[in-house]
Structures are given as structure tokens and as C-alpha cells.
Amino acid sequence: MIGPVLIVEDQPSEAQALYDLLSWSHRPAVVAPDLRTAQRHLLKLRPSVIVLDLNLPDGDGLAWLRELRARSFGWNLTILVVSGRTDPDQIAEALIAGADDYVTKPYAPQELLARIAVAERLAALRAGFRWLMAFRPPLPAHWRYSSAGILVLHPSSSIDSEDLRSEWARWARHLRQENGLLLPMPDGSLLVLFPGATRGFEALRRADFATSMWSAVLHIGRVAVGWLESPGIAAGTMLGQAVEETIRLAYLIPAGLWLITGPAYAALPMPPPVRPWPRATEITGLPAWEIERPVARGGD
């Protein structure tokens, strides 16, 4: 986390209970009883997670939520609404306005801590995403490829946020050395484009991550590449059916499994040792084989 959890709650007893709960779980926190104080803490402490009540003495928390999301830095925040408003329409309104999660009062402490842990993971992913985007490569001259190598790397859910950012950086450095066009995805996956399947396979073969729990899928197909730019976000996009097939397969295979699809395998002049993975056909309709993992050579 960049800073403490910012608790925006005007009821002293509820604010104290939440502060004590966070302290018990070894999370630093600061309380703001109104929006004016919350704004001051926001600028001074730079929290990455905000726990926000909606009924506040000097304004509506929902209006402040919209104001935050309208500003460029607001999308760097992870905002968890904790409110006594239980009407489904009100909950939907808060989520549409930009809340990342919503918990109704009264809440179970263990559930709230779990949801704050999710908020912290989102904050870590956003921080890593911004870091990677700051070093994104320039777009290639030709933005449509008839037979690009598509590699999707998907992290295990057991990787904690700090390790995830560290491994992101290592993978990014390695893949760019292999001339891959790297586009990070907000959920923590990495989508990489190569001129062909051979370059993508070579990038995997030379990786020093044999003990990592990342899943990998190498496919080949038609791809369109571009950037989406808007206030507060810059997101790379790869479009095409082959991209969708690769992502879907990477998300559904077991952690640590590396696959190469039939079309990508056929495109390699010297195919690697593999063994069939029949479930790929059930998941995407594509035949695929499990790639023999490289021998670990140690991290750098």
C-alpha cells in the first residue's frame, strides 16, 4: 500500500470500531469524520484504499465518489463503500458511480477484512499497471498482423501483491529483451505480441521462471493493436478472435501450466517436446499441448 487506509465515517463509534479492526489486522488507518477532512487526508497521506460512508455531515459521499472518479488521480484509488443504504438501486448507483465494492451495515468483521484485502490487491494491481504503462513501447508501424504470435501469462491467485509486482517487472524486462510488445491487463495478466509463434516460444524457452506459478498460453492468429487514451487511464488493446481464444484458455488452465495451441505448434520449424492436454478442446475448441518447462537457472 502507498498510504494508510482512509476511513470516511462520521459516526464515532463505527469509525472507532473499524479503526480498531484494521489495527488488529496490522493495517495502518486514519479516520476522517467529514468530507473536508477526508479531502485534506487524501492530499497529504496519499491513501490507495478508501473506506467510504455515504451519509456524511457536510455532503453526500456518493457525490464525492463521482468527483474523485472525474479527476485523473481518482482512478488510482480503490474505493470500498460501507453504508447503511441497502436498497439494490442505491447499491447499483454507487457501483456505477465508481465504487470498487459495496458492503452494507451492519457487516461481519471477517467479511469486511476480506473485502479490504481485495481492495488492497486492486490497489497493488493498479500501481503495477501504471508502472508498466509508463514504460510501454511505441506502437509498431503496422497495427494489423495476419499471423502474430500471441502469448498470455496469467499469475496464480496465490501470489501476493508485492510478489506480483516484482514478477511483473521481471517478466516485462525479459519479454522486452525478446522484442515482445507487452500490454499489461488490469487483472494482473500480461498479454504479449510477437512477429510469429517462433519468437513467442523462444521467449518462453529462455525465461528464468521455471519455478513460477504463472500459466502461459502461446497461440497464433490475426491481431489488431492499438491504444485507448482517456483522462486517468491509458490502456493497450489487442483485438481479434485469436486474442480472445488465448486469454480464455490462459484463465481456465491450472496454475503453472504452459500450453501451445495446435496452430502455433504447427507454425514452429522445430517444435518442442510436448504432451497432449485434451481439455483445451473442451474449453476453446482448440487442440493444445503442454510445453515441457525449462530447467530453472536462478533469478537475476
C-alpha atoms as a PDB file:
ATOM      1  CA  MET A   1       0.000   0.000   0.000  1.00  0.00           C
ATOM      2  CA  ILE A   2       1.068   3.573  -0.707  1.00  0.00           C
ATOM      3  CA  GLY A   3      -0.505   5.009   2.452  1.00  0.00           C
ATOM      4  CA  PRO A   4      -2.896   4.112   5.256  1.00  0.00           C
ATOM      5  CA  VAL A   5      -6.499   3.090   4.709  1.00  0.00           C
ATOM      6  CA  LEU A   6      -8.622   6.255   4.782  1.00  0.00           C
ATOM      7  CA  ILE A   7     -11.835   5.693   6.769  1.00  0.00           C
ATOM      8  CA  VAL A   8     -14.501   8.302   5.928  1.00  0.00           C
ATOM      9  CA  GLU A   9     -17.150   7.811   8.624  1.00  0.00           C
ATOM     10  CA  ASP A  10     -18.968  10.426  10.747  1.00  0.00           C
ATOM     11  CA  GLN A  11     -20.295   8.108  13.485  1.00  0.00           C
ATOM     12  CA  PRO A  12     -17.546   7.997  16.152  1.00  0.00           C
ATOM     13  CA  SER A  13     -18.411   4.523  17.452  1.00  0.00           C
ATOM     14  CA  GLU A  14     -18.488   2.993  13.962  1.00  0.00           C
ATOM     15  CA  ALA A  15     -15.293   4.798  12.935  1.00  0.00           C
ATOM     16  CA  GLN A  16     -13.522   3.578  16.083  1.00  0.00           C
ATOM     17  CA  ALA A  17     -14.706   0.004  15.564  1.00  0.00           C
ATOM     18  CA  LEU A  18     -13.395  -0.011  12.013  1.00  0.00           C
ATOM     19  CA  TYR A  19     -10.122   1.651  13.079  1.00  0.00           C
ATOM     20  CA  ASP A  20      -9.640  -0.997  15.785  1.00  0.00           C
ATOM     21  CA  LEU A  21     -10.438  -3.778  13.322  1.00  0.00           C
ATOM     22  CA  LEU A  22      -7.814  -2.524  10.885  1.00  0.00           C
ATOM     23  CA  SER A  23      -5.263  -2.029  13.665  1.00  0.00           C
ATOM     24  CA  TRP A  24      -5.903  -5.595  14.838  1.00  0.00           C
ATOM     25  CA  SER A  25      -5.136  -6.810  11.299  1.00  0.00           C
ATOM     26  CA  HIS A  26      -1.917  -4.714  11.239  1.00  0.00           C
ATOM     27  CA  ARG A  27      -3.215  -2.203   8.713  1.00  0.00           C
ATOM     28  CA  PRO A  28      -2.451   1.490   9.328  1.00  0.00           C
ATOM     29  CA  ALA A  29      -5.590   3.638   9.144  1.00  0.00           C
ATOM     30  CA  VAL A  30      -6.717   7.235   9.605  1.00  0.00           C
ATOM     31  CA  VAL A  31     -10.264   8.475  10.247  1.00  0.00           C
ATOM     32  CA  ALA A  32     -12.000  11.422   8.572  1.00  0.00           C
ATOM     33  CA  PRO A  33     -15.383  12.367  10.141  1.00  0.00           C
ATOM     34  CA  ASP A  34     -16.405  14.511   7.164  1.00  0.00           C
ATOM     35  CA  LEU A  35     -15.599  15.168   3.532  1.00  0.00           C
ATOM     36  CA  ARG A  36     -13.498  18.262   4.246  1.00  0.00           C
ATOM     37  CA  THR A  37     -11.169  16.257   6.487  1.00  0.00           C
ATOM     38  CA  ALA A  38     -11.173  13.380   4.014  1.00  0.00           C
ATOM     39  CA  GLN A  39     -10.045  15.687   1.232  1.00  0.00           C
ATOM     40  CA  ARG A  40      -7.193  17.010   3.407  1.00  0.00           C
ATOM     41  CA  HIS A  41      -6.058  13.493   4.317  1.00  0.00           C
ATOM     42  CA  LEU A  42      -6.340  12.433   0.692  1.00  0.00           C
ATOM     43  CA  LEU A  43      -3.890  15.095  -0.467  1.00  0.00           C
ATOM     44  CA  LYS A  44      -1.496  14.663   2.461  1.00  0.00           C
ATOM     45  CA  LEU A  45      -1.409  10.903   3.047  1.00  0.00           C
ATOM     46  CA  ARG A  46      -1.998   9.601  -0.496  1.00  0.00           C
ATOM     47  CA  PRO A  47      -4.006   6.522   0.537  1.00  0.00           C
ATOM     48  CA  SER A  48      -4.579   3.830  -2.043  1.00  0.00           C
ATOM     49  CA  VAL A  49      -7.691   2.402  -0.331  1.00  0.00           C
ATOM     50  CA  ILE A  50     -10.671   4.430   0.921  1.00  0.00           C
ATOM     51  CA  VAL A  51     -13.479   3.011   3.067  1.00  0.00           C
ATOM     52  CA  LEU A  52     -16.336   5.429   2.412  1.00  0.00           C
ATOM     53  CA  ASP A  53     -19.653   6.010   4.179  1.00  0.00           C
ATOM     54  CA  LEU A  54     -22.279   7.784   2.065  1.00  0.00           C
ATOM     55  CA  ASN A  55     -24.184   9.714   4.751  1.00  0.00           C
ATOM     56  CA  LEU A  56     -21.829  12.485   5.877  1.00  0.00           C
ATOM     57  CA  PRO A  57     -22.481  15.779   7.682  1.00  0.00           C
ATOM     58  CA  ASP A  58     -21.049  18.095   5.028  1.00  0.00           C
ATOM     59  CA  GLY A  59     -22.147  16.325   1.854  1.00  0.00           C
ATOM     60  CA  ASP A  60     -23.131  13.137   0.118  1.00  0.00           C
ATOM     61  CA  GLY A  61     -20.385  10.515  -0.122  1.00  0.00           C
ATOM     62  CA  LEU A  62     -21.794   9.391  -3.453  1.00  0.00           C
ATOM     63  CA  ALA A  63     -21.276  12.872  -4.919  1.00  0.00           C
ATOM     64  CA  TRP A  64     -17.685  12.894  -3.614  1.00  0.00           C
ATOM     65  CA  LEU A  65     -17.136   9.464  -5.161  1.00  0.00           C
ATOM     66  CA  ARG A  66     -18.236  10.800  -8.529  1.00  0.00           C
ATOM     67  CA  GLU A  67     -15.986  13.836  -8.070  1.00  0.00           C
ATOM     68  CA  LEU A  68     -12.973  11.623  -7.349  1.00  0.00           C
ATOM     69  CA  ARG A  69     -13.579   9.442 -10.377  1.00  0.00           C
ATOM     70  CA  ALA A  70     -13.925  12.548 -12.568  1.00  0.00           C
ATOM     71  CA  ARG A  71     -10.365  13.599 -11.678  1.00  0.00           C
ATOM     72  CA  SER A  72      -7.363  11.887 -13.254  1.00  0.00           C
ATOM     73  CA  PHE A  73      -5.813  10.737  -9.965  1.00  0.00           C
ATOM     74  CA  GLY A  74      -9.152   9.345  -8.788  1.00  0.00           C
ATOM     75  CA  TRP A  75      -8.750   6.203 -10.853  1.00  0.00           C
ATOM     76  CA  ASN A  76      -5.604   5.371  -8.883  1.00  0.00           C
ATOM     77  CA  LEU A  77      -7.750   4.864  -5.769  1.00  0.00           C
ATOM     78  CA  THR A  78      -9.569   1.724  -4.697  1.00  0.00           C
ATOM     79  CA  ILE A  79     -12.838   2.718  -3.026  1.00  0.00           C
ATOM     80  CA  LEU A  80     -14.909   0.423  -0.809  1.00  0.00           C
ATOM     81  CA  VAL A  81     -18.315   1.837   0.159  1.00  0.00           C
ATOM     82  CA  VAL A  82     -19.602   0.809   3.616  1.00  0.00           C
ATOM     83  CA  SER A  83     -23.104   2.180   4.062  1.00  0.00           C
ATOM     84  CA  GLY A  84     -26.478   1.682   5.695  1.00  0.00           C
ATOM     85  CA  ARG A  85     -28.140   2.177   2.305  1.00  0.00           C
ATOM     86  CA  THR A  86     -29.364  -1.298   1.433  1.00  0.00           C
ATOM     87  CA  ASP A  87     -31.713  -0.675  -1.467  1.00  0.00           C
ATOM     88  CA  PRO A  88     -30.451  -2.567  -4.561  1.00  0.00           C
ATOM     89  CA  ASP A  89     -30.917   0.515  -6.750  1.00  0.00           C
ATOM     90  CA  GLN A  90     -28.749   2.579  -4.386  1.00  0.00           C
ATOM     91  CA  ILE A  91     -26.063  -0.102  -4.318  1.00  0.00           C
ATOM     92  CA  ALA A  92     -26.081  -0.279  -8.118  1.00  0.00           C
ATOM     93  CA  GLU A  93     -25.891   3.519  -8.303  1.00  0.00           C
ATOM     94  CA  ALA A  94     -22.760   3.576  -6.104  1.00  0.00           C
ATOM     95  CA  LEU A  95     -21.053   0.843  -8.120  1.00  0.00           C
ATOM     96  CA  ILE A  96     -21.862   2.572 -11.404  1.00  0.00           C
ATOM     97  CA  ALA A  97     -20.574   5.852  -9.940  1.00  0.00           C
ATOM     98  CA  GLY A  98     -17.166   4.231  -9.434  1.00  0.00           C
ATOM     99  CA  ALA A  99     -17.138   2.187  -6.208  1.00  0.00           C
ATOM    100  CA  ASP A 100     -14.989  -0.935  -6.486  1.00  0.00           C
ATOM    101  CA  ASP A 101     -17.040  -2.783  -3.865  1.00  0.00           C
ATOM    102  CA  TYR A 102     -20.019  -2.212  -1.552  1.00  0.00           C
ATOM    103  CA  VAL A 103     -20.690  -3.549   1.954  1.00  0.00           C
ATOM    104  CA  THR A 104     -23.943  -2.895   3.802  1.00  0.00           C
ATOM    105  CA  LYS A 105     -24.205  -2.143   7.530  1.00  0.00           C
ATOM    106  CA  PRO A 106     -24.217  -3.987   9.820  1.00  0.00           C
ATOM    107  CA  TYR A 107     -21.341  -6.035   8.452  1.00  0.00           C
ATOM    108  CA  ALA A 108     -19.479  -9.113   9.649  1.00  0.00           C
ATOM    109  CA  PRO A 109     -15.897  -8.099  10.599  1.00  0.00           C
ATOM    110  CA  GLN A 110     -14.345 -11.078   8.814  1.00  0.00           C
ATOM    111  CA  GLU A 111     -16.199 -10.221   5.598  1.00  0.00           C
ATOM    112  CA  LEU A 112     -15.139  -6.583   5.738  1.00  0.00           C
ATOM    113  CA  LEU A 113     -11.488  -7.538   6.303  1.00  0.00           C
ATOM    114  CA  ALA A 114     -11.672  -9.909   3.347  1.00  0.00           C
ATOM    115  CA  ARG A 115     -13.121  -7.190   1.133  1.00  0.00           C
ATOM    116  CA  ILE A 116     -10.427  -4.735   2.281  1.00  0.00           C
ATOM    117  CA  ALA A 117      -7.828  -7.358   1.332  1.00  0.00           C
ATOM    118  CA  VAL A 118      -9.407  -7.487  -2.140  1.00  0.00           C
ATOM    119  CA  ALA A 119      -9.278  -3.676  -2.277  1.00  0.00           C
ATOM    120  CA  GLU A 120      -5.571  -3.780  -1.419  1.00  0.00           C
ATOM    121  CA  ARG A 121      -4.953  -6.277  -4.213  1.00  0.00           C
ATOM    122  CA  LEU A 122      -6.746  -3.978  -6.644  1.00  0.00           C
ATOM    123  CA  ALA A 123      -4.630  -1.059  -5.431  1.00  0.00           C
ATOM    124  CA  ALA A 124      -1.438  -3.070  -5.950  1.00  0.00           C
ATOM    125  CA  LEU A 125      -2.537  -4.136  -9.432  1.00  0.00           C
ATOM    126  CA  ARG A 126      -3.317  -0.540 -10.368  1.00  0.00           C
ATOM    127  CA  ALA A 127       0.079   0.602  -9.099  1.00  0.00           C
ATOM    128  CA  GLY A 128       1.863  -2.092 -11.098  1.00  0.00           C
ATOM    129  CA  PHE A 129      -0.299  -1.390 -14.132  1.00  0.00           C
ATOM    130  CA  ARG A 130       0.635   2.318 -14.010  1.00  0.00           C
ATOM    131  CA  TRP A 131       4.313   1.411 -13.644  1.00  0.00           C
ATOM    132  CA  LEU A 132       4.237  -0.834 -16.684  1.00  0.00           C
ATOM    133  CA  MET A 133       2.234   1.653 -18.733  1.00  0.00           C
ATOM    134  CA  ALA A 134       4.843   4.333 -18.026  1.00  0.00           C
ATOM    135  CA  PHE A 135       7.362   2.204 -19.916  1.00  0.00           C
ATOM    136  CA  ARG A 136       5.097   0.978 -22.664  1.00  0.00           C
ATOM    137  CA  PRO A 137       6.767   0.598 -26.049  1.00  0.00           C
ATOM    138  CA  PRO A 138       5.788   2.683 -29.075  1.00  0.00           C
ATOM    139  CA  LEU A 139       3.167   1.235 -31.371  1.00  0.00           C
ATOM    140  CA  PRO A 140       4.538  -0.724 -34.315  1.00  0.00           C
ATOM    141  CA  ALA A 141       4.304   0.871 -37.741  1.00  0.00           C
ATOM    142  CA  HIS A 142       1.760  -1.677 -38.913  1.00  0.00           C
ATOM    143  CA  TRP A 143      -1.078  -2.203 -36.494  1.00  0.00           C
ATOM    144  CA  ARG A 144      -2.639  -5.263 -38.111  1.00  0.00           C
ATOM    145  CA  TYR A 145      -0.979  -8.677 -38.242  1.00  0.00           C
ATOM    146  CA  SER A 146      -2.227 -11.662 -40.195  1.00  0.00           C
ATOM    147  CA  SER A 147      -0.229 -14.221 -38.176  1.00  0.00           C
ATOM    148  CA  ALA A 148       1.077 -12.791 -34.913  1.00  0.00           C
ATOM    149  CA  GLY A 149       2.380 -14.857 -32.038  1.00  0.00           C
ATOM    150  CA  ILE A 150       0.118 -14.263 -29.016  1.00  0.00           C
ATOM    151  CA  LEU A 151       1.397 -15.078 -25.535  1.00  0.00           C
ATOM    152  CA  VAL A 152      -0.769 -14.701 -22.418  1.00  0.00           C
ATOM    153  CA  LEU A 153       0.837 -15.037 -18.984  1.00  0.00           C
ATOM    154  CA  HIS A 154      -1.620 -15.396 -16.095  1.00  0.00           C
ATOM    155  CA  PRO A 155      -0.434 -15.236 -12.449  1.00  0.00           C
ATOM    156  CA  SER A 156      -1.533 -17.679  -9.801  1.00  0.00           C
ATOM    157  CA  SER A 157      -4.093 -16.387  -7.322  1.00  0.00           C
ATOM    158  CA  SER A 158      -1.693 -17.430  -4.535  1.00  0.00           C
ATOM    159  CA  ILE A 159       0.850 -14.748  -5.478  1.00  0.00           C
ATOM    160  CA  ASP A 160       0.596 -11.840  -3.054  1.00  0.00           C
ATOM    161  CA  SER A 161       0.552  -8.237  -4.270  1.00  0.00           C
ATOM    162  CA  GLU A 162       4.215  -7.443  -3.549  1.00  0.00           C
ATOM    163  CA  ASP A 163       5.489 -10.594  -5.262  1.00  0.00           C
ATOM    164  CA  LEU A 164       3.141  -9.955  -8.173  1.00  0.00           C
ATOM    165  CA  ARG A 165       4.606  -6.526  -8.835  1.00  0.00           C
ATOM    166  CA  SER A 166       8.132  -7.924  -8.587  1.00  0.00           C
ATOM    167  CA  GLU A 167       7.369 -10.739 -11.029  1.00  0.00           C
ATOM    168  CA  TRP A 168       5.600  -8.315 -13.362  1.00  0.00           C
ATOM    169  CA  ALA A 169       8.804  -6.292 -13.557  1.00  0.00           C
ATOM    170  CA  ARG A 170      10.943  -9.392 -14.202  1.00  0.00           C
ATOM    171  CA  TRP A 171       8.649 -10.733 -16.909  1.00  0.00           C
ATOM    172  CA  ALA A 172       8.377  -7.275 -18.508  1.00  0.00           C
ATOM    173  CA  ARG A 173      12.148  -6.877 -18.672  1.00  0.00           C
ATOM    174  CA  HIS A 174      12.650 -10.349 -20.132  1.00  0.00           C
ATOM    175  CA  LEU A 175       9.855 -10.133 -22.708  1.00  0.00           C
ATOM    176  CA  ARG A 176      11.002  -6.732 -23.962  1.00  0.00           C
ATOM    177  CA  GLN A 177      14.511  -8.128 -24.387  1.00  0.00           C
ATOM    178  CA  GLU A 178      12.869 -10.663 -26.674  1.00  0.00           C
ATOM    179  CA  ASN A 179      11.219  -7.793 -28.618  1.00  0.00           C
ATOM    180  CA  GLY A 180       7.724  -8.589 -27.400  1.00  0.00           C
ATOM    181  CA  LEU A 181       5.035  -5.897 -27.459  1.00  0.00           C
ATOM    182  CA  LEU A 182       3.837  -6.062 -23.857  1.00  0.00           C
ATOM    183  CA  LEU A 183       0.343  -4.965 -22.829  1.00  0.00           C
ATOM    184  CA  PRO A 184      -0.471  -5.424 -19.111  1.00  0.00           C
ATOM    185  CA  MET A 185      -4.046  -6.228 -18.169  1.00  0.00           C
ATOM    186  CA  PRO A 186      -5.744  -4.813 -15.049  1.00  0.00           C
ATOM    187  CA  ASP A 187      -6.299  -8.260 -13.511  1.00  0.00           C
ATOM    188  CA  GLY A 188      -2.552  -8.935 -13.382  1.00  0.00           C
ATOM    189  CA  SER A 189      -2.120 -10.912 -16.603  1.00  0.00           C
ATOM    190  CA  LEU A 190       0.364  -9.980 -19.317  1.00  0.00           C
ATOM    191  CA  LEU A 191      -0.557 -10.051 -22.996  1.00  0.00           C
ATOM    192  CA  VAL A 192       2.426 -10.112 -25.359  1.00  0.00           C
ATOM    193  CA  LEU A 193       2.595  -9.867 -29.144  1.00  0.00           C
ATOM    194  CA  PHE A 194       5.435 -11.284 -31.256  1.00  0.00           C
ATOM    195  CA  PRO A 195       6.031 -11.285 -35.025  1.00  0.00           C
ATOM    196  CA  GLY A 196       5.330 -15.006 -35.023  1.00  0.00           C
ATOM    197  CA  ALA A 197       4.867 -18.075 -32.853  1.00  0.00           C
ATOM    198  CA  THR A 198       8.592 -18.905 -33.003  1.00  0.00           C
ATOM    199  CA  ARG A 199       9.604 -15.689 -31.245  1.00  0.00           C
ATOM    200  CA  GLY A 200       6.960 -16.238 -28.588  1.00  0.00           C
ATOM    201  CA  PHE A 201       8.171 -19.766 -27.929  1.00  0.00           C
ATOM    202  CA  GLU A 202      11.791 -18.618 -27.728  1.00  0.00           C
ATOM    203  CA  ALA A 203      10.776 -16.020 -25.134  1.00  0.00           C
ATOM    204  CA  LEU A 204       9.231 -18.778 -23.004  1.00  0.00           C
ATOM    205  CA  ARG A 205      12.118 -21.188 -23.560  1.00  0.00           C
ATOM    206  CA  ARG A 206      14.689 -18.654 -22.373  1.00  0.00           C
ATOM    207  CA  ALA A 207      12.708 -17.484 -19.346  1.00  0.00           C
ATOM    208  CA  ASP A 208      14.199 -17.938 -15.873  1.00  0.00           C
ATOM    209  CA  PHE A 209      10.859 -18.646 -14.247  1.00  0.00           C
ATOM    210  CA  ALA A 210      10.638 -22.433 -14.140  1.00  0.00           C
ATOM    211  CA  THR A 211       9.519 -22.366 -10.502  1.00  0.00           C
ATOM    212  CA  SER A 212       6.915 -19.652 -11.070  1.00  0.00           C
ATOM    213  CA  MET A 213       3.217 -20.434 -10.807  1.00  0.00           C
ATOM    214  CA  TRP A 214       2.358 -18.346 -13.877  1.00  0.00           C
ATOM    215  CA  SER A 215       0.264 -20.039 -16.543  1.00  0.00           C
ATOM    216  CA  ALA A 216       1.199 -19.473 -20.186  1.00  0.00           C
ATOM    217  CA  VAL A 217      -0.607 -19.973 -23.486  1.00  0.00           C
ATOM    218  CA  LEU A 218       1.021 -19.467 -26.890  1.00  0.00           C
ATOM    219  CA  HIS A 219      -1.300 -19.106 -29.887  1.00  0.00           C
ATOM    220  CA  ILE A 220      -1.095 -17.564 -33.367  1.00  0.00           C
ATOM    221  CA  GLY A 221      -3.617 -15.649 -35.441  1.00  0.00           C
ATOM    222  CA  ARG A 222      -4.876 -12.327 -36.768  1.00  0.00           C
ATOM    223  CA  VAL A 223      -4.391  -9.406 -34.377  1.00  0.00           C
ATOM    224  CA  ALA A 224      -5.153  -5.679 -34.385  1.00  0.00           C
ATOM    225  CA  VAL A 225      -3.203  -3.455 -31.970  1.00  0.00           C
ATOM    226  CA  GLY A 226      -4.000  -0.001 -30.574  1.00  0.00           C
ATOM    227  CA  TRP A 227      -4.081   2.258 -27.523  1.00  0.00           C
ATOM    228  CA  LEU A 228      -7.098   3.642 -25.728  1.00  0.00           C
ATOM    229  CA  GLU A 229      -6.407   7.014 -24.075  1.00  0.00           C
ATOM    230  CA  SER A 230      -8.783   8.876 -21.746  1.00  0.00           C
ATOM    231  CA  PRO A 231      -8.444  11.004 -18.590  1.00  0.00           C
ATOM    232  CA  GLY A 232      -6.842   8.907 -15.888  1.00  0.00           C
ATOM    233  CA  ILE A 233      -6.246   5.791 -17.987  1.00  0.00           C
ATOM    234  CA  ALA A 234      -4.068   4.629 -20.846  1.00  0.00           C
ATOM    235  CA  ALA A 235      -4.811   1.081 -21.884  1.00  0.00           C
ATOM    236  CA  GLY A 236      -3.289  -1.061 -24.587  1.00  0.00           C
ATOM    237  CA  THR A 237      -5.610  -3.245 -26.586  1.00  0.00           C
ATOM    238  CA  MET A 238      -5.160  -6.289 -28.786  1.00  0.00           C
ATOM    239  CA  LEU A 239      -8.220  -7.277 -30.744  1.00  0.00           C
ATOM    240  CA  GLY A 240      -9.196 -10.381 -32.641  1.00  0.00           C
ATOM    241  CA  GLN A 241     -10.668 -13.842 -32.176  1.00  0.00           C
ATOM    242  CA  ALA A 242      -7.221 -15.381 -31.655  1.00  0.00           C
ATOM    243  CA  VAL A 243      -6.574 -12.977 -28.766  1.00  0.00           C
ATOM    244  CA  GLU A 244      -9.891 -13.885 -27.133  1.00  0.00           C
ATOM    245  CA  GLU A 245      -9.162 -17.601 -27.512  1.00  0.00           C
ATOM    246  CA  THR A 246      -5.719 -17.228 -25.931  1.00  0.00           C
ATOM    247  CA  ILE A 247      -6.986 -15.201 -22.976  1.00  0.00           C
ATOM    248  CA  ARG A 248      -9.859 -17.587 -22.299  1.00  0.00           C
ATOM    249  CA  LEU A 249      -7.579 -20.610 -22.320  1.00  0.00           C
ATOM    250  CA  ALA A 250      -4.984 -18.923 -20.067  1.00  0.00           C
ATOM    251  CA  TYR A 251      -7.633 -18.046 -17.488  1.00  0.00           C
ATOM    252  CA  LEU A 252      -9.063 -21.563 -17.299  1.00  0.00           C
ATOM    253  CA  ILE A 253      -5.984 -23.795 -17.222  1.00  0.00           C
ATOM    254  CA  PRO A 254      -4.398 -24.900 -13.908  1.00  0.00           C
ATOM    255  CA  ALA A 255      -1.775 -22.655 -12.319  1.00  0.00           C
ATOM    256  CA  GLY A 256       1.736 -23.207 -13.643  1.00  0.00           C
ATOM    257  CA  LEU A 257       0.686 -24.992 -16.857  1.00  0.00           C
ATOM    258  CA  TRP A 258       2.256 -23.826 -20.146  1.00  0.00           C
ATOM    259  CA  LEU A 259       0.344 -24.641 -23.334  1.00  0.00           C
ATOM    260  CA  ILE A 260       0.895 -24.206 -27.054  1.00  0.00           C
ATOM    261  CA  THR A 261      -2.114 -24.410 -29.348  1.00  0.00           C
ATOM    262  CA  GLY A 262      -2.276 -26.550 -32.454  1.00  0.00           C
ATOM    263  CA  PRO A 263      -1.894 -23.650 -34.939  1.00  0.00           C
ATOM    264  CA  ALA A 264       1.108 -22.241 -33.028  1.00  0.00           C
ATOM    265  CA  TYR A 265       2.731 -25.673 -32.723  1.00  0.00           C
ATOM    266  CA  ALA A 266       2.352 -26.245 -36.474  1.00  0.00           C
ATOM    267  CA  ALA A 267       3.995 -22.858 -37.160  1.00  0.00           C
ATOM    268  CA  LEU A 268       7.233 -23.754 -35.325  1.00  0.00           C
ATOM    269  CA  PRO A 269      10.074 -25.024 -37.567  1.00  0.00           C
ATOM    270  CA  MET A 270      11.468 -27.064 -34.635  1.00  0.00           C
ATOM    271  CA  PRO A 271       8.567 -27.984 -32.309  1.00  0.00           C
ATOM    272  CA  PRO A 272       9.470 -28.585 -28.644  1.00  0.00           C
ATOM    273  CA  PRO A 273       8.781 -31.762 -26.633  1.00  0.00           C
ATOM    274  CA  VAL A 274       5.112 -31.660 -25.673  1.00  0.00           C
ATOM    275  CA  ARG A 275       2.308 -33.851 -24.433  1.00  0.00           C
ATOM    276  CA  PRO A 276      -1.407 -33.546 -25.272  1.00  0.00           C
ATOM    277  CA  TRP A 277      -3.703 -31.582 -22.987  1.00  0.00           C
ATOM    278  CA  PRO A 278      -7.164 -32.811 -24.088  1.00  0.00           C
ATOM    279  CA  ARG A 279      -9.193 -30.339 -22.003  1.00  0.00           C
ATOM    280  CA  ALA A 280      -8.114 -27.469 -24.270  1.00  0.00           C
ATOM    281  CA  THR A 281     -10.535 -28.671 -26.945  1.00  0.00           C
ATOM    282  CA  GLU A 282     -13.355 -28.734 -24.385  1.00  0.00           C
ATOM    283  CA  ILE A 283     -12.576 -25.180 -23.212  1.00  0.00           C
ATOM    284  CA  THR A 284     -11.990 -23.346 -26.504  1.00  0.00           C
ATOM    285  CA  GLY A 285     -12.371 -25.875 -29.290  1.00  0.00           C
ATOM    286  CA  LEU A 286      -8.628 -25.601 -29.966  1.00  0.00           C
ATOM    287  CA  PRO A 287      -6.265 -28.557 -29.635  1.00  0.00           C
ATOM    288  CA  ALA A 288      -3.283 -27.730 -27.409  1.00  0.00           C
ATOM    289  CA  TRP A 289      -0.217 -29.389 -25.945  1.00  0.00           C
ATOM    290  CA  GLU A 290       1.611 -28.899 -22.665  1.00  0.00           C
ATOM    291  CA  ILE A 291       5.095 -27.472 -23.152  1.00  0.00           C
ATOM    292  CA  GLU A 292       7.960 -29.032 -21.244  1.00  0.00           C
ATOM    293  CA  ARG A 293       9.075 -26.436 -18.707  1.00  0.00           C
ATOM    294  CA  PRO A 294      12.667 -25.117 -18.865  1.00  0.00           C
ATOM    295  CA  VAL A 295      15.171 -26.007 -16.151  1.00  0.00           C
ATOM    296  CA  ALA A 296      15.493 -23.208 -13.569  1.00  0.00           C
ATOM    297  CA  ARG A 297      18.713 -21.210 -13.897  1.00  0.00           C
ATOM    298  CA  GLY A 298      18.087 -18.919 -10.923  1.00  0.00           C
ATOM    299  CA  GLY A 299      16.678 -15.388 -10.796  1.00  0.00           C
ATOM    300  CA  ASP A 300      18.548 -12.253 -11.606  1.00  0.00           C
END
